Every structure is written in structure tokens, then in C-alpha cells.
Amino acid sequence: MPFIQQLRGISGKIRPLNCAAFEDSLLQADLFGYKKGAFTGAEKDKEGLIEEAQGGTLFLDEIADLSLDCQSKLLRLLQSGEYRRMGDTQDRRFKGRVIGATNKDLEALMAEKKFRQDLYDRLNGWIIHLPPLRQRKEEILPLTEYFLHLYGQERNYVLTKGAERYLLNLEHKANVRGLQRTVERAIQIAISQSTNVIKESFLLEDGLSQRPIDEIDPFYLHMTKREKEYLIELLKACDGNRGLAIEVSELSRSSFFNVLQKHGIRKTEG
């Protein structure tokens, strides 16, 4: 359920943030920015995503997962167009659009005092109810082609007819993200078999465990295990600071969290 709040002049610039992917302090630092010395490790001033989205669009995914403290600061931004960097005393202005999205029941969360009524009212300028992917099956194959191009590193991956039928009949419980993970996993298996053809067996929920043991590439299994070990050790070395881990790994934010999710690494792990 996306919410759109129109503020002022808009351009095509978009800055996204997954509100469920960060602990609160790291999320606020990423969103509002911070001044040098605001916290341990803040060695220089840093602008946040709000500043980066100036004149454009700030997209807050999983907005229901914001803490109440962060909700109050976001409410001020929407009401007055003003915000402050962490550790700063100077107000800054934001001119742009804010879009929030969630798959949670905000009315139920408001009843439980976990989401602010005034923030809901402020966001509630334009609501788009997006049906689940299983009710939009005509979009499954175009989305699959997009993900094949996104993760395929310019390799021309193609689907067999069996793979297409499987995708069209698949109940994507996690919606588009479920399809995204399915395609990403299939590409990894295709790479391990040195093929550009995505077969139905590559798309199975547990693709590795459901393949015959003699079809599993030992090198693929070894690299998958090493990837998980690397991430766990990296998080430990960064004291669980995921923002720092992203910088050290030199991965994009979305790629980093996709890999964490792929290996089932929890927020508390590392």
C-alpha cells in the first residue's frame, strides 16, 4: 500500500530506503544525515537520503517498521518541510515528494499505538492499493525478464517453456520480492552449470536440495558457503554496523541486503 504526499516542485530523482533493513540509529543516520561527532565513528559531516532526494522523490519502503521516534521526525518533515541532521542544531529544508509503502495493516498498528495516527493522516494524500502478484499474472514474465537482465550481468538468459509455466502457476507468497529471489537463485544455479538456459528445476523453492546430488556443482556449493562465512565475519569485524559493512564490502545497499537475506543472516547475527 504506497502512500504519496506531494510537497513541492518535483524532478525525476529518486532515493529509496528500506525501513526494515536497518536498526533505528543507523536508519536515522542514513535518512537524516549527521554532523561530525554526533556519535562514535561519525568522523565527518554526512548528508542523508533526504538531502539527496532534494527536488525529487524520497521512497520509504516498509514504512510501518519505523520507530515512533523516527515517525515523529518524519511527521515534522511532512508538516513543515524541515528536518535536522543527527547532532545538528540547524534546521534544513526539504522540497520534494515522499512516498511510503507497506504490506502491513496500518490501522491495526495505530490501534496498538505502534504507528502514529497523525503521520498516517499526513501521508494519506493518495493511496494506491496494489494487488498481490498472483492476481497480476500478466506481469510475472515481464518482471522475470527484468530480473534476469538485472542479475544476469549482461548474459542472455532464456526461460524454457516449462520454467515459464512454473512461474505462471507459482504462488508468490512474498509477492514481487519472492519472484526476485527465485530468479536470482535460478541464475546462481545456471552459472554453476555454465548454461544460459533457465530450467524449471532451477526455480524450485529449494533448488539445490531438490536436484540430484550428482547435478550439484561442488564449486557452487563451496562459493556459497564461503560467501556466507565472509558476510558473518565482516559483520563481526564491523561490530554489527551494517552501514560500515556495506562500505567495506563495496556492494550496493540493495545487493548487500539481498545477499544477507539469501543466506538467512539475521539482524542479530554478526
C-alpha atoms as a PDB file:
ATOM      1  CA  MET A   1       0.000   0.000   0.000  1.00  0.00           C
ATOM      2  CA  PRO A   2       2.002   3.021  -1.175  1.00  0.00           C
ATOM      3  CA  PHE A   3       1.255   6.451   0.225  1.00  0.00           C
ATOM      4  CA  ILE A   4       2.171   9.600  -1.667  1.00  0.00           C
ATOM      5  CA  GLN A   5       2.468  13.030  -0.073  1.00  0.00           C
ATOM      6  CA  GLN A   6       3.027  15.857  -2.551  1.00  0.00           C
ATOM      7  CA  LEU A   7       5.163  18.644  -1.115  1.00  0.00           C
ATOM      8  CA  ARG A   8       6.617  20.945  -3.794  1.00  0.00           C
ATOM      9  CA  GLY A   9       8.451  21.020  -7.147  1.00  0.00           C
ATOM     10  CA  ILE A  10       9.446  17.560  -8.361  1.00  0.00           C
ATOM     11  CA  SER A  11      12.127  16.204 -10.706  1.00  0.00           C
ATOM     12  CA  GLY A  12      12.949  12.644 -11.666  1.00  0.00           C
ATOM     13  CA  LYS A  13      15.479  11.987  -8.867  1.00  0.00           C
ATOM     14  CA  ILE A  14      14.509   9.081  -6.549  1.00  0.00           C
ATOM     15  CA  ARG A  15      16.214   7.993  -3.313  1.00  0.00           C
ATOM     16  CA  PRO A  16      14.880   4.737  -1.766  1.00  0.00           C
ATOM     17  CA  LEU A  17      15.265   3.421   1.794  1.00  0.00           C
ATOM     18  CA  ASN A  18      14.145   0.063   3.195  1.00  0.00           C
ATOM     19  CA  CYS A  19      12.985   0.962   6.715  1.00  0.00           C
ATOM     20  CA  ALA A  20      13.019  -2.683   7.833  1.00  0.00           C
ATOM     21  CA  ALA A  21      16.633  -3.310   6.860  1.00  0.00           C
ATOM     22  CA  PHE A  22      18.338  -1.080   9.448  1.00  0.00           C
ATOM     23  CA  GLU A  23      18.383  -0.686  13.193  1.00  0.00           C
ATOM     24  CA  ASP A  24      16.831   2.627  14.246  1.00  0.00           C
ATOM     25  CA  SER A  25      20.013   4.645  14.887  1.00  0.00           C
ATOM     26  CA  LEU A  26      21.600   3.573  11.609  1.00  0.00           C
ATOM     27  CA  LEU A  27      18.374   4.202   9.727  1.00  0.00           C
ATOM     28  CA  GLN A  28      18.050   7.734  11.113  1.00  0.00           C
ATOM     29  CA  ALA A  29      21.683   8.467  10.280  1.00  0.00           C
ATOM     30  CA  ASP A  30      21.104   7.247   6.726  1.00  0.00           C
ATOM     31  CA  LEU A  31      17.831   9.134   6.374  1.00  0.00           C
ATOM     32  CA  PHE A  32      18.566  12.490   8.050  1.00  0.00           C
ATOM     33  CA  GLY A  33      22.363  12.551   7.814  1.00  0.00           C
ATOM     34  CA  TYR A  34      24.615  13.573  10.703  1.00  0.00           C
ATOM     35  CA  LYS A  35      27.172  16.079  11.908  1.00  0.00           C
ATOM     36  CA  LYS A  36      30.752  15.209  12.717  1.00  0.00           C
ATOM     37  CA  GLY A  37      30.956  13.866  16.284  1.00  0.00           C
ATOM     38  CA  ALA A  38      27.219  13.049  16.503  1.00  0.00           C
ATOM     39  CA  PHE A  39      28.143   9.504  17.559  1.00  0.00           C
ATOM     40  CA  THR A  40      31.156   7.219  17.750  1.00  0.00           C
ATOM     41  CA  GLY A  41      32.548   6.775  14.251  1.00  0.00           C
ATOM     42  CA  ALA A  42      30.993   9.973  12.844  1.00  0.00           C
ATOM     43  CA  GLU A  43      34.303  11.425  11.685  1.00  0.00           C
ATOM     44  CA  LYS A  44      32.857  13.911   9.189  1.00  0.00           C
ATOM     45  CA  ASP A  45      29.557  15.528   8.202  1.00  0.00           C
ATOM     46  CA  LYS A  46      27.365  13.316   6.054  1.00  0.00           C
ATOM     47  CA  GLU A  47      24.236  14.234   4.131  1.00  0.00           C
ATOM     48  CA  GLY A  48      21.286  11.864   4.361  1.00  0.00           C
ATOM     49  CA  LEU A  49      18.905  10.491   1.790  1.00  0.00           C
ATOM     50  CA  ILE A  50      16.544  13.416   2.415  1.00  0.00           C
ATOM     51  CA  GLU A  51      19.188  15.829   1.136  1.00  0.00           C
ATOM     52  CA  GLU A  52      19.993  13.533  -1.771  1.00  0.00           C
ATOM     53  CA  ALA A  53      16.296  13.487  -2.708  1.00  0.00           C
ATOM     54  CA  GLN A  54      16.046  17.296  -2.721  1.00  0.00           C
ATOM     55  CA  GLY A  55      13.759  18.335  -5.580  1.00  0.00           C
ATOM     56  CA  GLY A  56      12.886  14.704  -6.274  1.00  0.00           C
ATOM     57  CA  THR A  57      11.341  11.715  -4.506  1.00  0.00           C
ATOM     58  CA  LEU A  58      12.142  10.030  -1.190  1.00  0.00           C
ATOM     59  CA  PHE A  59      10.753   6.479  -1.228  1.00  0.00           C
ATOM     60  CA  LEU A  60      10.379   4.824   2.194  1.00  0.00           C
ATOM     61  CA  ASP A  61       9.701   1.106   1.795  1.00  0.00           C
ATOM     62  CA  GLU A  62       8.318  -0.866   4.782  1.00  0.00           C
ATOM     63  CA  ILE A  63       7.372   2.425   6.436  1.00  0.00           C
ATOM     64  CA  ALA A  64       5.393   0.577   9.129  1.00  0.00           C
ATOM     65  CA  ASP A  65       8.703  -0.581  10.625  1.00  0.00           C
ATOM     66  CA  LEU A  66       9.833   2.938  11.554  1.00  0.00           C
ATOM     67  CA  SER A  67      10.321   3.542  15.286  1.00  0.00           C
ATOM     68  CA  LEU A  68       7.970   6.007  16.977  1.00  0.00           C
ATOM     69  CA  ASP A  69      10.892   8.416  17.400  1.00  0.00           C
ATOM     70  CA  CYS A  70      11.678   8.320  13.698  1.00  0.00           C
ATOM     71  CA  GLN A  71       7.966   8.641  12.888  1.00  0.00           C
ATOM     72  CA  SER A  72       7.793  11.909  14.852  1.00  0.00           C
ATOM     73  CA  LYS A  73      10.756  13.320  12.908  1.00  0.00           C
ATOM     74  CA  LEU A  74       9.238  12.233   9.618  1.00  0.00           C
ATOM     75  CA  LEU A  75       5.958  13.879  10.626  1.00  0.00           C
ATOM     76  CA  ARG A  76       7.803  17.193  11.169  1.00  0.00           C
ATOM     77  CA  LEU A  77       9.355  16.854   7.710  1.00  0.00           C
ATOM     78  CA  LEU A  78       5.940  16.339   6.109  1.00  0.00           C
ATOM     79  CA  GLN A  79       4.237  19.115   8.088  1.00  0.00           C
ATOM     80  CA  SER A  80       6.833  21.857   7.759  1.00  0.00           C
ATOM     81  CA  GLY A  81       9.343  20.611   5.198  1.00  0.00           C
ATOM     82  CA  GLU A  82      12.032  20.934   7.908  1.00  0.00           C
ATOM     83  CA  TYR A  83      14.407  18.418   9.487  1.00  0.00           C
ATOM     84  CA  ARG A  84      17.763  18.238  11.255  1.00  0.00           C
ATOM     85  CA  ARG A  85      20.815  16.106  10.772  1.00  0.00           C
ATOM     86  CA  MET A  86      21.697  13.978  13.799  1.00  0.00           C
ATOM     87  CA  GLY A  87      23.803  16.027  16.235  1.00  0.00           C
ATOM     88  CA  ASP A  88      22.956  19.310  14.500  1.00  0.00           C
ATOM     89  CA  THR A  89      21.124  22.385  15.793  1.00  0.00           C
ATOM     90  CA  GLN A  90      20.399  23.861  12.376  1.00  0.00           C
ATOM     91  CA  ASP A  91      17.094  23.214  10.586  1.00  0.00           C
ATOM     92  CA  ARG A  92      17.248  22.272   6.915  1.00  0.00           C
ATOM     93  CA  ARG A  93      14.542  22.473   4.258  1.00  0.00           C
ATOM     94  CA  PHE A  94      13.304  19.713   2.006  1.00  0.00           C
ATOM     95  CA  LYS A  95      11.343  20.305  -1.187  1.00  0.00           C
ATOM     96  CA  GLY A  96      10.178  17.139  -2.858  1.00  0.00           C
ATOM     97  CA  ARG A  97       7.842  14.180  -2.763  1.00  0.00           C
ATOM     98  CA  VAL A  98       7.662  11.480  -0.075  1.00  0.00           C
ATOM     99  CA  ILE A  99       6.305   8.035  -0.926  1.00  0.00           C
ATOM    100  CA  GLY A 100       5.796   5.339   1.707  1.00  0.00           C
ATOM    101  CA  ALA A 101       4.949   1.675   1.113  1.00  0.00           C
ATOM    102  CA  THR A 102       3.933  -1.167   3.411  1.00  0.00           C
ATOM    103  CA  ASN A 103       2.217  -4.538   3.289  1.00  0.00           C
ATOM    104  CA  LYS A 104       1.112  -4.235   6.933  1.00  0.00           C
ATOM    105  CA  ASP A 105      -2.243  -3.131   8.321  1.00  0.00           C
ATOM    106  CA  LEU A 106      -1.536   0.421   9.484  1.00  0.00           C
ATOM    107  CA  GLU A 107      -4.962   0.801  11.075  1.00  0.00           C
ATOM    108  CA  ALA A 108      -4.256  -2.223  13.292  1.00  0.00           C
ATOM    109  CA  LEU A 109      -0.830  -0.801  14.164  1.00  0.00           C
ATOM    110  CA  MET A 110      -2.406   2.556  15.061  1.00  0.00           C
ATOM    111  CA  ALA A 111      -4.845   0.761  17.365  1.00  0.00           C
ATOM    112  CA  GLU A 112      -1.830  -0.851  19.069  1.00  0.00           C
ATOM    113  CA  LYS A 113      -0.099   2.578  19.336  1.00  0.00           C
ATOM    114  CA  LYS A 114       2.738   1.348  17.107  1.00  0.00           C
ATOM    115  CA  PHE A 115       2.069   3.790  14.270  1.00  0.00           C
ATOM    116  CA  ARG A 116       1.137   7.443  14.684  1.00  0.00           C
ATOM    117  CA  GLN A 117      -2.353   8.499  13.616  1.00  0.00           C
ATOM    118  CA  ASP A 118      -1.137  11.999  12.691  1.00  0.00           C
ATOM    119  CA  LEU A 119       1.613  10.577  10.480  1.00  0.00           C
ATOM    120  CA  TYR A 120      -0.911   8.313   8.777  1.00  0.00           C
ATOM    121  CA  ASP A 121      -3.209  11.284   8.182  1.00  0.00           C
ATOM    122  CA  ARG A 122      -0.341  13.317   6.758  1.00  0.00           C
ATOM    123  CA  LEU A 123       0.776  10.514   4.419  1.00  0.00           C
ATOM    124  CA  ASN A 124      -2.764   9.705   3.410  1.00  0.00           C
ATOM    125  CA  GLY A 125      -2.891  12.087   0.464  1.00  0.00           C
ATOM    126  CA  TRP A 126      -3.083   9.469  -2.265  1.00  0.00           C
ATOM    127  CA  ILE A 127      -3.348   5.714  -1.621  1.00  0.00           C
ATOM    128  CA  ILE A 128      -2.561   3.038  -4.193  1.00  0.00           C
ATOM    129  CA  HIS A 129      -3.814  -0.428  -3.280  1.00  0.00           C
ATOM    130  CA  LEU A 130      -1.585  -2.850  -5.171  1.00  0.00           C
ATOM    131  CA  PRO A 131      -3.000  -6.388  -5.564  1.00  0.00           C
ATOM    132  CA  PRO A 132      -0.674  -9.339  -4.878  1.00  0.00           C
ATOM    133  CA  LEU A 133       1.316 -10.675  -7.817  1.00  0.00           C
ATOM    134  CA  ARG A 134      -0.825 -13.813  -8.024  1.00  0.00           C
ATOM    135  CA  GLN A 135      -3.675 -11.516  -9.104  1.00  0.00           C
ATOM    136  CA  ARG A 136      -1.469  -9.821 -11.732  1.00  0.00           C
ATOM    137  CA  LYS A 137      -0.111 -12.881 -13.540  1.00  0.00           C
ATOM    138  CA  GLU A 138       0.326 -10.962 -16.782  1.00  0.00           C
ATOM    139  CA  GLU A 139       3.208  -9.129 -15.049  1.00  0.00           C
ATOM    140  CA  ILE A 140       5.121 -12.235 -13.937  1.00  0.00           C
ATOM    141  CA  LEU A 141       7.055 -12.920 -17.140  1.00  0.00           C
ATOM    142  CA  PRO A 142       7.938  -9.245 -17.839  1.00  0.00           C
ATOM    143  CA  LEU A 143       9.183  -8.944 -14.249  1.00  0.00           C
ATOM    144  CA  THR A 144      11.153 -12.166 -14.675  1.00  0.00           C
ATOM    145  CA  GLU A 145      12.811 -10.779 -17.807  1.00  0.00           C
ATOM    146  CA  TYR A 146      13.696  -7.619 -15.883  1.00  0.00           C
ATOM    147  CA  PHE A 147      15.305  -9.597 -13.037  1.00  0.00           C
ATOM    148  CA  LEU A 148      17.168 -11.825 -15.496  1.00  0.00           C
ATOM    149  CA  HIS A 149      18.660  -8.689 -17.043  1.00  0.00           C
ATOM    150  CA  LEU A 150      19.314  -7.089 -13.631  1.00  0.00           C
ATOM    151  CA  TYR A 151      21.194 -10.056 -12.148  1.00  0.00           C
ATOM    152  CA  GLY A 152      22.411 -11.670 -15.352  1.00  0.00           C
ATOM    153  CA  GLN A 153      25.439  -9.383 -15.797  1.00  0.00           C
ATOM    154  CA  GLU A 154      24.643  -8.881 -19.498  1.00  0.00           C
ATOM    155  CA  ARG A 155      24.402 -12.623 -20.155  1.00  0.00           C
ATOM    156  CA  ASN A 156      21.424 -13.559 -22.329  1.00  0.00           C
ATOM    157  CA  TYR A 157      19.435 -15.861 -20.051  1.00  0.00           C
ATOM    158  CA  VAL A 158      16.338 -17.532 -21.521  1.00  0.00           C
ATOM    159  CA  LEU A 159      13.486 -19.460 -19.901  1.00  0.00           C
ATOM    160  CA  THR A 160      12.329 -22.881 -21.034  1.00  0.00           C
ATOM    161  CA  LYS A 161       8.589 -23.311 -21.629  1.00  0.00           C
ATOM    162  CA  GLY A 162       8.470 -25.462 -18.501  1.00  0.00           C
ATOM    163  CA  ALA A 163      10.084 -22.667 -16.483  1.00  0.00           C
ATOM    164  CA  GLU A 164       7.539 -20.170 -17.827  1.00  0.00           C
ATOM    165  CA  ARG A 165       4.635 -22.459 -16.884  1.00  0.00           C
ATOM    166  CA  TYR A 166       6.104 -22.970 -13.411  1.00  0.00           C
ATOM    167  CA  LEU A 167       6.412 -19.222 -12.813  1.00  0.00           C
ATOM    168  CA  LEU A 168       2.882 -18.513 -14.016  1.00  0.00           C
ATOM    169  CA  ASN A 169       1.467 -21.154 -11.661  1.00  0.00           C
ATOM    170  CA  LEU A 170       3.683 -20.246  -8.710  1.00  0.00           C
ATOM    171  CA  GLU A 171       2.003 -18.665  -5.703  1.00  0.00           C
ATOM    172  CA  HIS A 172       4.495 -15.932  -4.861  1.00  0.00           C
ATOM    173  CA  LYS A 173       3.874 -15.667  -1.129  1.00  0.00           C
ATOM    174  CA  ALA A 174       6.406 -12.840  -0.823  1.00  0.00           C
ATOM    175  CA  ASN A 175       4.954 -11.098  -3.891  1.00  0.00           C
ATOM    176  CA  VAL A 176       7.439  -9.423  -6.261  1.00  0.00           C
ATOM    177  CA  ARG A 177      10.311  -9.968  -3.829  1.00  0.00           C
ATOM    178  CA  GLY A 178       9.570 -13.693  -3.831  1.00  0.00           C
ATOM    179  CA  LEU A 179       9.841 -13.729  -7.618  1.00  0.00           C
ATOM    180  CA  GLN A 180      13.025 -11.674  -7.423  1.00  0.00           C
ATOM    181  CA  ARG A 181      14.691 -14.163  -5.065  1.00  0.00           C
ATOM    182  CA  THR A 182      13.506 -17.081  -7.187  1.00  0.00           C
ATOM    183  CA  VAL A 183      15.109 -15.612 -10.321  1.00  0.00           C
ATOM    184  CA  GLU A 184      18.311 -14.649  -8.516  1.00  0.00           C
ATOM    185  CA  ARG A 185      18.666 -18.184  -7.158  1.00  0.00           C
ATOM    186  CA  ALA A 186      17.994 -19.660 -10.615  1.00  0.00           C
ATOM    187  CA  ILE A 187      20.767 -17.533 -12.138  1.00  0.00           C
ATOM    188  CA  GLN A 188      23.224 -18.765  -9.499  1.00  0.00           C
ATOM    189  CA  ILE A 189      22.388 -22.357 -10.391  1.00  0.00           C
ATOM    190  CA  ALA A 190      22.680 -21.571 -14.118  1.00  0.00           C
ATOM    191  CA  ILE A 191      26.130 -20.070 -13.529  1.00  0.00           C
ATOM    192  CA  SER A 192      27.193 -23.186 -11.620  1.00  0.00           C
ATOM    193  CA  GLN A 193      26.174 -25.305 -14.638  1.00  0.00           C
ATOM    194  CA  SER A 194      27.677 -22.935 -17.248  1.00  0.00           C
ATOM    195  CA  THR A 195      24.381 -22.511 -19.080  1.00  0.00           C
ATOM    196  CA  ASN A 196      22.244 -19.582 -20.161  1.00  0.00           C
ATOM    197  CA  VAL A 197      19.057 -21.656 -20.133  1.00  0.00           C
ATOM    198  CA  ILE A 198      16.880 -21.325 -17.012  1.00  0.00           C
ATOM    199  CA  LYS A 199      15.137 -24.662 -16.443  1.00  0.00           C
ATOM    200  CA  GLU A 200      12.108 -25.341 -14.268  1.00  0.00           C
ATOM    201  CA  SER A 201      14.285 -27.257 -11.773  1.00  0.00           C
ATOM    202  CA  PHE A 202      16.353 -24.093 -11.210  1.00  0.00           C
ATOM    203  CA  LEU A 203      13.239 -22.278  -9.966  1.00  0.00           C
ATOM    204  CA  LEU A 204      12.181 -24.746  -7.283  1.00  0.00           C
ATOM    205  CA  GLU A 205      11.763 -23.297  -3.788  1.00  0.00           C
ATOM    206  CA  ASP A 206      14.777 -25.266  -2.600  1.00  0.00           C
ATOM    207  CA  GLY A 207      16.587 -25.590  -5.898  1.00  0.00           C
ATOM    208  CA  LEU A 208      19.767 -27.197  -4.562  1.00  0.00           C
ATOM    209  CA  SER A 209      18.221 -29.747  -2.245  1.00  0.00           C
ATOM    210  CA  GLN A 210      15.718 -30.904  -4.885  1.00  0.00           C
ATOM    211  CA  ARG A 211      18.352 -31.539  -7.527  1.00  0.00           C
ATOM    212  CA  PRO A 212      20.049 -34.952  -7.760  1.00  0.00           C
ATOM    213  CA  ILE A 213      23.308 -34.960  -5.818  1.00  0.00           C
ATOM    214  CA  ASP A 214      25.370 -35.634  -8.955  1.00  0.00           C
ATOM    215  CA  GLU A 215      23.969 -32.463 -10.569  1.00  0.00           C
ATOM    216  CA  ILE A 216      25.099 -30.160  -7.750  1.00  0.00           C
ATOM    217  CA  ASP A 217      28.260 -28.273  -8.647  1.00  0.00           C
ATOM    218  CA  PRO A 218      30.779 -28.615  -5.761  1.00  0.00           C
ATOM    219  CA  PHE A 219      32.377 -25.288  -6.724  1.00  0.00           C
ATOM    220  CA  TYR A 220      28.979 -23.536  -6.465  1.00  0.00           C
ATOM    221  CA  LEU A 221      28.348 -25.056  -3.039  1.00  0.00           C
ATOM    222  CA  HIS A 222      31.849 -24.086  -1.884  1.00  0.00           C
ATOM    223  CA  MET A 223      31.464 -20.473  -3.047  1.00  0.00           C
ATOM    224  CA  THR A 224      28.012 -20.178  -1.487  1.00  0.00           C
ATOM    225  CA  LYS A 225      29.390 -21.378   1.855  1.00  0.00           C
ATOM    226  CA  ARG A 226      32.378 -19.020   1.599  1.00  0.00           C
ATOM    227  CA  GLU A 227      30.088 -16.088   0.785  1.00  0.00           C
ATOM    228  CA  LYS A 228      28.056 -16.653   3.958  1.00  0.00           C
ATOM    229  CA  GLU A 229      31.196 -17.089   6.087  1.00  0.00           C
ATOM    230  CA  TYR A 230      32.636 -13.860   4.653  1.00  0.00           C
ATOM    231  CA  LEU A 231      29.486 -11.883   5.473  1.00  0.00           C
ATOM    232  CA  ILE A 232      29.324 -13.182   9.045  1.00  0.00           C
ATOM    233  CA  GLU A 233      32.998 -12.364   9.654  1.00  0.00           C
ATOM    234  CA  LEU A 234      32.567  -8.947   8.024  1.00  0.00           C
ATOM    235  CA  LEU A 235      29.643  -8.086  10.323  1.00  0.00           C
ATOM    236  CA  LYS A 236      31.639  -9.217  13.352  1.00  0.00           C
ATOM    237  CA  ALA A 237      34.600  -7.064  12.307  1.00  0.00           C
ATOM    238  CA  CYS A 238      32.251  -4.076  11.931  1.00  0.00           C
ATOM    239  CA  ASP A 239      30.620  -4.734  15.331  1.00  0.00           C
ATOM    240  CA  GLY A 240      27.304  -5.333  13.610  1.00  0.00           C
ATOM    241  CA  ASN A 241      27.344  -1.901  11.901  1.00  0.00           C
ATOM    242  CA  ARG A 242      25.739  -2.735   8.581  1.00  0.00           C
ATOM    243  CA  GLY A 243      26.384   0.675   7.080  1.00  0.00           C
ATOM    244  CA  LEU A 244      30.116   0.201   7.646  1.00  0.00           C
ATOM    245  CA  ALA A 245      29.936  -3.384   6.367  1.00  0.00           C
ATOM    246  CA  ILE A 246      28.337  -2.136   3.131  1.00  0.00           C
ATOM    247  CA  GLU A 247      31.178   0.347   2.630  1.00  0.00           C
ATOM    248  CA  VAL A 248      33.848  -2.301   3.313  1.00  0.00           C
ATOM    249  CA  SER A 249      32.206  -4.890   1.050  1.00  0.00           C
ATOM    250  CA  GLU A 250      31.824  -2.277  -1.741  1.00  0.00           C
ATOM    251  CA  LEU A 251      28.402  -3.768  -2.547  1.00  0.00           C
ATOM    252  CA  SER A 252      25.366  -1.606  -3.197  1.00  0.00           C
ATOM    253  CA  ARG A 253      22.930  -1.341  -0.287  1.00  0.00           C
ATOM    254  CA  SER A 254      20.281  -3.426  -2.085  1.00  0.00           C
ATOM    255  CA  SER A 255      22.785  -6.120  -3.144  1.00  0.00           C
ATOM    256  CA  PHE A 256      24.185  -6.369   0.391  1.00  0.00           C
ATOM    257  CA  PHE A 257      20.776  -6.955   1.975  1.00  0.00           C
ATOM    258  CA  ASN A 258      19.731  -9.323  -0.811  1.00  0.00           C
ATOM    259  CA  VAL A 259      22.767 -11.498  -0.048  1.00  0.00           C
ATOM    260  CA  LEU A 260      22.072 -11.373   3.712  1.00  0.00           C
ATOM    261  CA  GLN A 261      18.513 -12.474   3.049  1.00  0.00           C
ATOM    262  CA  LYS A 262      19.657 -15.218   0.682  1.00  0.00           C
ATOM    263  CA  HIS A 263      21.819 -16.763   3.414  1.00  0.00           C
ATOM    264  CA  GLY A 264      19.268 -16.169   6.191  1.00  0.00           C
ATOM    265  CA  ILE A 265      21.631 -13.944   8.186  1.00  0.00           C
ATOM    266  CA  ARG A 266      19.566 -12.211  10.871  1.00  0.00           C
ATOM    267  CA  LYS A 267      19.994  -8.684  12.265  1.00  0.00           C
ATOM    268  CA  THR A 268      21.461 -10.105  15.460  1.00  0.00           C
ATOM    269  CA  GLU A 269      23.966 -12.324  13.672  1.00  0.00           C
ATOM    270  CA  GLY A 270      27.478 -10.927  13.476  1.00  0.00           C
END
